[in-house]
Amino acid sequence: MTFLYHRVPANMQGDFLSPLNQLKDIYPEAYAEAVKKYEGREFLMNVGIPTLDCLWNDFLFLTAVHPFDLHCGIR
């Protein structure tokens, strides 16, 4: 069985994950907190992903690696 993972944000609101550009409209407070991680590299918020024809912050980044392995190293 194949899985894709995404870390649950500490300030998760609602029942589903949303890309940053959508979060801006539905949960402005969560958006304001999330964009802080782009301080000093705000240009990334306007970078496009050519293959997907969308912006960097229109996309949810997922991994096939279990979160335990990302955080603690290989089991």
Protein backbone atom coordinates (compact mmCIF):
# COMPACT_ATOMS: atom_id res chain seq x y z
CA MET A 1 0.00 0.00 0.00
CA THR A 2 1.31 3.48 -0.88
CA PHE A 3 0.88 6.53 1.33
CA LEU A 4 1.60 10.23 1.04
CA TYR A 5 2.25 12.25 4.19
CA HIS A 6 2.00 15.86 5.26
CA ARG A 7 2.80 17.14 8.72
CA VAL A 8 -0.26 18.49 10.53
CA PRO A 9 0.35 22.19 11.23
CA ALA A 10 0.46 23.16 14.91
CA ASN A 11 -2.33 25.70 14.36
CA MET A 12 -4.47 23.45 12.14
CA GLN A 13 -7.92 24.91 11.52
CA GLY A 14 -10.73 23.05 9.81
CA ASP A 15 -10.77 19.45 8.63
CA PHE A 16 -8.59 19.56 5.52
CA LEU A 17 -5.25 20.89 4.30
CA SER A 18 -5.30 23.92 2.02
CA PRO A 19 -2.56 25.50 -0.10
CA LEU A 20 -1.24 28.79 1.23
CA ASN A 21 -3.02 30.87 -1.44
CA GLN A 22 -6.40 29.38 -0.43
CA LEU A 23 -5.63 29.65 3.27
CA LYS A 24 -5.37 33.42 2.81
CA ASP A 25 -9.12 33.62 2.14
CA ILE A 26 -10.52 30.93 4.45
CA TYR A 27 -8.29 31.31 7.56
CA PRO A 28 -6.48 34.69 7.41
CA GLU A 29 -4.94 34.25 10.88
CA ALA A 30 -3.42 30.88 9.96
CA TYR A 31 -2.19 32.40 6.68
CA ALA A 32 -0.48 35.26 8.53
CA GLU A 33 1.32 32.73 10.72
CA ALA A 34 2.27 30.46 7.81
CA VAL A 35 3.81 33.21 5.65
CA LYS A 36 6.28 34.04 8.43
CA LYS A 37 8.38 31.07 7.30
CA TYR A 38 8.97 32.92 4.01
CA GLU A 39 10.51 36.03 5.64
CA GLY A 40 13.61 36.94 3.68
CA ARG A 41 12.60 34.73 0.77
CA GLU A 42 9.21 36.14 -0.18
CA PHE A 43 10.11 35.71 -3.85
CA LEU A 44 9.25 32.01 -3.48
CA MET A 45 5.59 32.95 -3.14
CA ASN A 46 5.66 34.12 -6.78
CA VAL A 47 7.71 31.24 -8.21
CA GLY A 48 5.83 29.04 -10.62
CA ILE A 49 5.98 25.26 -10.94
CA PRO A 50 6.02 24.87 -14.74
CA THR A 51 5.01 21.22 -14.93
CA LEU A 52 1.94 21.86 -12.76
CA ASP A 53 1.20 25.35 -14.14
CA CYS A 54 0.69 26.81 -10.65
CA LEU A 55 2.53 28.92 -8.10
CA TRP A 56 4.70 27.49 -5.33
CA ASN A 57 2.08 28.38 -2.71
CA ASP A 58 -0.82 26.91 -4.73
CA PHE A 59 0.62 23.46 -4.08
CA LEU A 60 0.54 21.10 -1.08
CA PHE A 61 3.93 19.52 -0.53
CA LEU A 62 3.70 15.84 0.38
CA THR A 63 6.23 13.10 0.97
CA ALA A 64 6.26 9.34 0.57
CA VAL A 65 8.65 9.13 3.54
CA HIS A 66 6.99 8.45 6.91
CA PRO A 67 7.15 11.54 9.20
CA PHE A 68 8.96 9.55 11.91
CA ASP A 69 11.82 8.89 9.50
CA LEU A 70 12.00 12.55 8.48
CA HIS A 71 12.05 13.76 12.07
CA CYS A 72 14.05 11.05 13.87
CA GLY A 73 16.03 9.34 11.16
CA ILE A 74 15.63 5.90 9.68
CA ARG A 75 14.13 3.34 12.06
